[in-house]
Each structure stands twice: as C-alpha cells, then as structure tokens.
Protein backbone atom coordinates (compact mmCIF):
# COMPACT_ATOMS: atom_id res chain seq x y z
CA MET A 1 86.43 33.16 113.72
CA SER A 2 86.97 31.69 109.99
CA LYS A 3 89.73 33.37 108.19
CA LYS A 4 86.86 34.98 105.98
CA MET A 5 85.61 36.73 108.51
CA VAL A 6 88.88 38.16 109.82
CA SER A 7 89.93 39.26 106.57
CA LEU A 8 86.16 40.64 106.57
CA PHE A 9 87.27 42.26 109.46
CA LEU A 10 90.39 43.64 108.72
CA VAL A 11 89.15 44.97 105.65
CA LEU A 12 86.19 46.97 107.54
CA LEU A 13 88.79 48.67 110.31
CA MET A 14 91.31 49.42 107.44
CA ALA A 15 88.06 51.03 105.82
CA PHE A 16 87.18 52.77 108.47
CA SER A 17 90.10 54.02 109.34
CA ALA A 18 90.67 55.72 105.89
CA ALA A 19 87.83 57.25 106.31
CA ALA A 20 88.40 58.36 109.90
CA SER A 21 91.97 59.73 108.26
CA LEU A 22 90.41 61.67 105.00
CA ALA A 23 88.14 63.15 107.16
CA GLU A 24 90.16 64.22 109.61
CA GLY A 25 92.58 65.30 107.13
CA SER A 26 89.78 67.49 104.94
CA GLU A 27 89.22 69.41 108.52
CA ILE A 28 90.95 73.66 108.26
CA VAL A 29 92.18 74.59 111.91
CA VAL A 30 92.64 78.28 111.85
CA THR A 31 93.31 80.95 113.87
CA ASP A 32 91.95 84.14 113.60
CA MET A 33 93.26 87.31 114.00
CA LEU A 34 92.06 87.89 117.63
CA GLY A 35 94.23 84.55 117.94
CA ARG A 36 91.07 82.62 118.50
CA GLU A 37 91.39 79.18 117.44
CA VAL A 38 88.09 77.71 114.62
CA THR A 39 88.00 74.50 113.28
CA LEU A 40 85.80 73.68 110.10
CA SER A 41 84.91 70.07 109.14
CA GLU A 42 85.90 71.93 105.08
CA PRO A 43 86.35 74.94 103.07
CA ALA A 44 83.25 77.26 104.22
CA ALA A 45 80.33 77.16 101.43
CA ARG A 46 78.46 79.29 102.86
CA ILE A 47 79.54 82.55 104.28
CA VAL A 48 77.61 86.11 105.47
CA VAL A 49 80.67 88.79 105.23
CA MET A 50 80.17 92.15 107.17
CA GLN A 51 82.64 93.82 107.01
CA PRO A 52 83.60 95.41 103.34
CA SER A 53 87.65 95.08 103.22
CA ASP A 54 86.67 90.86 104.06
CA CYS A 55 84.25 91.01 100.91
CA GLU A 56 86.59 92.08 98.88
CA ILE A 57 89.36 89.50 99.66
CA LEU A 58 86.63 86.97 99.20
CA CYS A 59 85.81 88.32 95.69
CA ALA A 60 89.74 88.92 94.97
CA ILE A 61 90.19 84.65 95.73
CA GLY A 62 87.48 83.57 93.68
CA CYS A 63 85.01 83.23 96.45
CA GLU A 64 82.12 85.53 95.40
CA GLU A 65 79.95 82.84 94.90
CA ALA A 66 79.77 81.49 98.28
CA ILE A 67 78.68 85.32 99.79
CA VAL A 68 75.42 84.42 100.77
CA GLY A 69 74.58 87.88 102.82
CA ARG A 70 77.31 91.18 103.37
CA GLY A 71 77.14 93.97 105.69
CA GLN A 72 75.45 97.28 105.34
CA TYR A 73 78.89 98.61 104.05
CA VAL A 74 79.78 95.95 101.73
CA ASP A 75 78.98 97.79 98.43
CA TYR A 76 82.06 96.40 96.13
CA PRO A 77 82.56 94.74 93.49
CA ALA A 78 79.17 96.10 91.94
CA SER A 79 77.64 92.31 91.36
CA ILE A 80 77.68 91.67 95.35
CA LEU A 81 74.91 94.54 95.63
CA LYS A 82 72.65 91.70 94.79
CA VAL A 83 73.39 89.59 97.77
CA PRO A 84 70.94 90.02 100.82
CA VAL A 85 72.04 92.75 103.53
CA VAL A 86 72.06 92.05 107.35
CA GLN A 87 72.83 94.96 109.33
CA THR A 88 75.91 95.47 111.21
CA GLY A 89 77.78 96.56 114.20
CA ALA A 90 75.35 97.24 117.40
CA GLU A 91 72.20 97.13 115.35
CA THR A 92 73.41 93.35 114.15
CA ASN A 93 70.36 90.89 114.55
CA VAL A 94 71.65 87.09 114.50
CA GLU A 95 68.62 85.75 113.60
CA GLU A 96 68.88 87.25 110.41
CA ILE A 97 71.98 85.86 110.01
CA LEU A 98 70.96 82.60 111.11
CA ALA A 99 68.36 82.52 108.86
CA LEU A 100 71.00 83.03 105.97
CA GLN A 101 72.12 79.47 107.04
CA PRO A 102 76.07 80.10 106.63
CA GLN A 103 78.86 78.06 107.79
CA VAL A 104 80.83 80.67 108.91
CA VAL A 105 80.36 84.45 109.39
CA LEU A 106 83.37 87.16 109.22
CA MET A 107 83.76 89.85 111.56
CA ASN A 108 85.48 92.92 112.59
CA SER A 109 87.03 93.40 115.66
CA MET A 110 86.17 96.92 115.32
CA SER A 111 82.08 96.39 115.08
CA GLN A 112 81.07 93.35 116.33
CA SER A 113 80.46 92.21 120.19
CA GLU A 114 81.45 89.36 122.02
CA GLU A 115 77.85 88.68 122.69
CA GLN A 116 77.09 88.63 119.07
CA VAL A 117 80.14 85.96 117.89
CA LYS A 118 78.95 84.25 121.42
CA GLN A 119 75.46 83.66 120.40
CA LEU A 120 76.23 82.86 116.31
CA GLU A 121 78.80 79.62 117.84
CA GLU A 122 75.66 79.57 120.22
CA ASN A 123 73.78 78.58 117.16
CA GLY A 124 75.90 76.73 115.24
CA VAL A 125 77.56 78.77 113.26
CA LYS A 126 81.62 79.38 113.16
CA VAL A 127 83.01 83.29 113.61
CA VAL A 128 86.03 84.34 112.37
CA ILE A 129 87.41 87.80 113.18
CA SER A 130 89.78 90.09 111.20
CA THR A 131 91.45 93.14 112.35
CA THR A 132 94.13 95.22 110.18
CA SER A 133 95.40 98.44 110.42
CA ASN A 134 98.88 98.27 107.94
CA ILE A 135 100.02 96.23 104.77
CA GLU A 136 101.03 93.39 106.72
CA SER A 137 98.08 92.76 108.27
CA VAL A 138 96.04 93.04 105.26
CA TYR A 139 98.40 90.08 103.95
CA THR A 140 97.41 87.87 107.18
CA ALA A 141 94.01 88.99 106.71
CA ILE A 142 94.04 87.45 102.97
CA GLN A 143 95.94 84.40 104.07
CA LEU A 144 92.78 83.66 106.74
CA ILE A 145 90.51 84.14 104.68
CA GLY A 146 92.34 82.55 102.11
CA LYS A 147 92.37 78.98 104.12
CA VAL A 148 89.12 79.48 105.50
CA MET A 149 87.33 79.25 101.65
CA GLY A 150 90.30 76.65 101.01
CA LYS A 151 91.93 78.67 98.31
CA GLU A 152 95.67 79.32 99.44
CA THR A 153 96.95 79.24 96.75
CA GLU A 154 94.49 81.94 95.06
CA ALA A 155 95.61 83.65 98.08
CA GLU A 156 99.16 83.82 97.86
CA ALA A 157 98.80 84.71 94.34
CA VAL A 158 96.60 87.62 95.37
CA ILE A 159 99.44 89.00 98.20
CA ALA A 160 102.32 88.83 95.57
CA ASP A 161 100.59 91.23 93.11
CA MET A 162 99.96 93.60 95.66
CA GLN A 163 103.57 93.26 96.17
CA ALA A 164 104.78 92.94 92.45
CA THR A 165 102.90 96.69 92.49
CA PHE A 166 104.18 98.41 95.23
CA ASP A 167 107.73 97.21 94.57
CA GLU A 168 107.04 98.69 90.75
CA ILE A 169 106.14 101.95 92.23
CA LYS A 170 108.77 102.51 95.21
CA ALA A 171 111.32 102.04 91.56
CA LYS A 172 109.52 104.55 89.72
CA VAL A 173 109.59 107.53 92.96
CA SER A 174 111.55 110.12 92.75
CA GLY A 175 112.64 111.01 95.77
CA GLU A 176 109.96 113.41 96.41
CA THR A 177 110.05 115.53 99.75
CA LYS A 178 106.86 116.89 99.75
CA LYS A 179 104.06 116.31 102.01
CA VAL A 180 100.60 114.46 102.45
CA TYR A 181 97.30 114.77 104.62
CA PHE A 182 95.45 111.85 104.53
CA GLU A 183 91.71 113.14 106.55
CA ILE A 184 89.27 110.35 107.21
CA SER A 185 86.58 112.56 109.13
CA PRO A 186 85.71 116.35 108.47
CA PRO A 187 85.71 118.94 111.36
CA PRO A 188 84.35 118.69 113.85
CA TYR A 189 85.49 115.21 114.53
CA LEU A 190 88.95 115.65 112.74
CA TYR A 191 90.25 111.68 111.74
CA THR A 192 94.15 111.25 110.07
CA ALA A 193 96.21 108.25 109.73
CA GLY A 194 99.36 107.99 111.95
CA SER A 195 102.58 106.09 111.29
CA SER A 196 100.97 102.65 111.73
CA SER A 197 98.62 102.78 109.49
CA TYR A 198 98.14 101.42 106.15
CA MET A 199 97.75 105.18 104.84
CA ASN A 200 101.22 106.25 105.92
CA GLU A 201 102.59 103.15 103.97
CA LEU A 202 101.04 104.02 100.72
CA ALA A 203 102.47 107.59 101.28
CA GLU A 204 106.28 105.68 102.24
CA ILE A 205 105.66 103.73 98.59
CA CYS A 206 105.24 107.24 96.68
CA GLY A 207 108.06 108.48 98.23
CA ILE A 208 106.21 111.57 100.80
CA THR A 209 106.21 112.19 104.16
CA ASN A 210 102.58 111.46 105.22
CA ILE A 211 102.32 114.83 107.93
CA PHE A 212 101.05 112.86 111.15
CA GLY A 213 103.68 109.67 110.47
CA ASP A 214 105.33 110.76 113.71
CA GLN A 215 102.24 109.75 115.49
CA GLU A 216 102.47 106.16 116.68
CA ASP A 217 98.61 105.11 116.52
CA ALA A 218 97.42 104.24 113.53
CA TRP A 219 93.98 106.41 113.52
CA LEU A 220 93.55 109.67 115.49
CA MET A 221 91.69 112.50 116.15
CA ILE A 222 93.17 116.29 115.23
CA SER A 223 92.73 119.23 115.20
CA GLU A 224 92.56 121.64 112.21
CA GLU A 225 94.91 124.62 113.71
CA GLN A 226 97.76 120.82 113.73
CA VAL A 227 97.18 120.39 110.00
CA ILE A 228 97.45 124.52 108.86
CA GLU A 229 100.77 124.11 110.92
CA ARG A 230 101.98 120.96 109.27
CA ASN A 231 101.22 122.60 105.78
CA PRO A 232 100.64 119.47 103.57
CA ASP A 233 101.40 119.53 99.36
CA TYR A 234 98.84 117.36 98.99
CA ILE A 235 95.39 116.65 100.33
CA VAL A 236 93.78 113.02 100.51
CA LEU A 237 90.36 113.02 101.60
CA ILE A 238 88.28 109.66 102.70
CA THR A 239 85.84 111.00 103.18
CA ASN A 240 82.64 109.48 101.32
CA MET A 241 81.63 112.72 100.65
CA GLY A 242 82.25 113.08 97.14
CA SER A 243 82.49 116.35 94.88
CA ALA A 244 80.75 118.08 98.22
CA GLY A 245 84.17 117.29 100.09
CA VAL A 246 86.41 119.08 97.78
CA GLU A 247 84.67 121.97 97.98
CA GLU A 248 84.21 122.44 101.24
CA ILE A 249 87.95 121.55 101.88
CA LEU A 250 89.10 123.66 99.35
CA SER A 251 87.01 126.28 101.08
CA ARG A 252 87.24 126.11 104.39
CA LYS A 253 87.79 128.85 106.66
CA GLY A 254 91.41 129.51 107.70
CA TRP A 255 92.67 126.96 105.66
CA GLY A 256 93.49 129.14 102.74
CA ASP A 257 97.37 129.35 102.87
CA ILE A 258 97.78 125.66 102.94
CA ASN A 259 100.15 124.55 100.09
CA ALA A 260 97.71 122.18 98.99
CA ILE A 261 94.82 124.60 99.71
CA LYS A 262 96.58 126.98 97.03
CA ASN A 263 97.70 124.57 94.38
CA GLN A 264 94.60 122.61 94.52
CA LYS A 265 95.94 119.72 94.79
CA VAL A 266 93.15 117.70 96.69
CA PHE A 267 92.21 114.24 96.26
CA ASN A 268 88.69 112.50 96.75
CA ASP A 269 89.37 108.67 97.14
CA GLU A 270 86.31 108.78 94.68
CA ASP A 271 86.15 104.21 94.73
CA SER A 272 87.51 103.93 98.51
CA CYS A 273 90.29 102.15 97.74
CA MET A 274 92.23 103.74 100.12
CA ALA A 275 89.53 103.54 102.64
CA ARG A 276 89.89 99.74 102.85
CA PRO A 277 92.37 97.08 103.83
CA SER A 278 91.74 95.10 101.03
CA PRO A 279 93.90 93.44 98.02
CA ARG A 280 92.67 97.27 96.10
CA LEU A 281 95.08 98.61 98.39
CA LYS A 282 97.24 98.28 94.58
CA ASP A 283 94.87 100.50 92.79
CA ALA A 284 94.71 102.65 96.01
CA ALA A 285 99.14 103.00 95.31
CA ILE A 286 98.93 104.27 91.72
CA GLU A 287 95.87 106.42 92.11
CA LEU A 288 98.52 108.36 94.79
CA TYR A 289 101.24 107.76 93.13
CA ASN A 290 99.43 109.72 89.48
CA PHE A 291 97.84 112.05 91.70
CA VAL A 292 101.63 113.45 93.25
CA TYR A 293 103.72 112.52 90.17
CA GLU A 294 100.19 114.16 87.73
CA ILE A 295 100.52 111.19 85.87
CA GLU A 296 96.96 110.85 84.21
CA ALA A 297 95.24 107.24 84.33
CA GLU A 298 94.15 104.97 82.67
CA GLU A 299 89.93 104.48 82.41
CA LYS A 300 89.95 101.65 85.46
CA PRO A 301 87.64 98.89 84.38
CA ALA A 302 84.03 98.50 85.48
CA ALA A 303 83.95 96.50 89.40
C-alpha cells in the first residue's frame, strides 16, 4: 500500500472515530423515576406529555414548542390548549399517540399501565415515567425532564427559583400555631394530604400545621368526624369545584363548629397550583402564605 493510500486510510479512520465519538457524546441516558434506564440519541424535539405537572415543567424550562400532544387534563399554561389532546389512564389509545410521531412520551406512574408503555416502546417511542409526592421528588422530576430535553441548566434555574421563594417565605413566618386542612375530594370519598405530601410541606413552609400531618401516607381517605375533631383554623379546597365547593363546605352539616367554618377561612385553589407537583408550587406557597396571614395578593399575570 502506498504512503498516500495509508495516509488517506488514517484520515478516514480518524474521521470515522471522531464521528462515532460525537454520536456517542450526543446520547442522553436517563434513569426515570421508576428506575428504568432510557437512552435517547439526542434531546427530544417531539414529545407527548400525559400529566399536567410534567407539562408545566416542560413549559417552565422553555420546551413548550416541543409538545406535540397532551393528556386530556393538561390545561396550563393557556397556550397549551392549542396542542392536540390524547386520552389518558385506562382510556389511553396508543395508536392515537403514535399518530403524533413523538420521540418521547412523558407518563406518570399513577395513570398509565405497563402494557401501554410496552406498546409504545415496541413502536420505537421512548417512554419516561415520573412519580411525585413531595417537593424533593418534584425537583427530581424537573431535573429528569430537563435532561431529556437537553435543558439541564434551565431545570436547575427553575429549582433554584422555587427554593428561593420557599426560603423567603420561611424567613417571614411568625411562628403561627394554627392548623390547616387540605380537602382533595369531598364526601363521601373524603381525601386529604398526609406528612409525606408536598401539601404538608407547603403548610410547614408557611408556619402552620397540617391536621393530618401525623399520618405517614402522602394521600389518605378520612372521615368527616376526624376533620371535625381536629378542628382546623383554615381549610384549603383542592377539589376543582370552584365557588360552589366553598359554598358547600361552609354549609356542610355538622361542620358549623369548626373554626375555619365559623370564621369563613376557606381558600379555593382556583388555578390548581396547589394541586399539581410542578414549578408552580412556589405560587402555591405564596397563595397559602397570603391567605393565612391575610395579605392582599398582587394580581398575577395571565398564564
């Protein structure tokens, strides 16, 4: 082989090695929140998001334009409503999702099945699963989604902003000894938040006590008698019932002696920021603080 041919061969070999190295370097390997390792050839540019909180994370890190499909309950920010809707949970239609040609589908551990995940992966779609209950797990979800999208710096900035807001509120609390009750669903299926939930943490940040903070579960079913006995000073409704929910609880039979009812200290989570484990938990903390300490809130910009 001539020297010229050897030189050409070496140049081609080096070019091939560099290209392979570059391709390998662009790979993204994530471990989702169920411990599943997922490898992407590049940051996701087309994504279907099934869960409202995951959508809010995507938008917070600047990835709204990458969303090509959304679950039926995904409704924030308002601009996301123009994106095609897909069914979620037991009604999830894999063919409906595949028609949108996503590279990645973001799913939640509570609402999707293993069979649905398997069908998507068999059709070449990567599935990344989140699961959140407390604030630390929300940070993990933000980091996970940031890595999937190639937006790790933006993800860390969102987390830092949340932490700064929480720290600011903690520094202002006055050692309030009053109690709060979070109502997630009304009777007859009365659900609330326990000690391992982000709602319990929001109460702690604001210097008040969750009346079910002695229960380890994040979410638990309770009785009306338990609420009456624990006599909260504040009630926060996360029931999606609007003003009708406030009216209903204020007139609920047998609840008239509860401090929160007597003093009409009932707050309705109108924009669902307390209901979703997303970056808007910082807004939830501000709203809860303003409610408890009777501070008139500044008008928030439109979503």
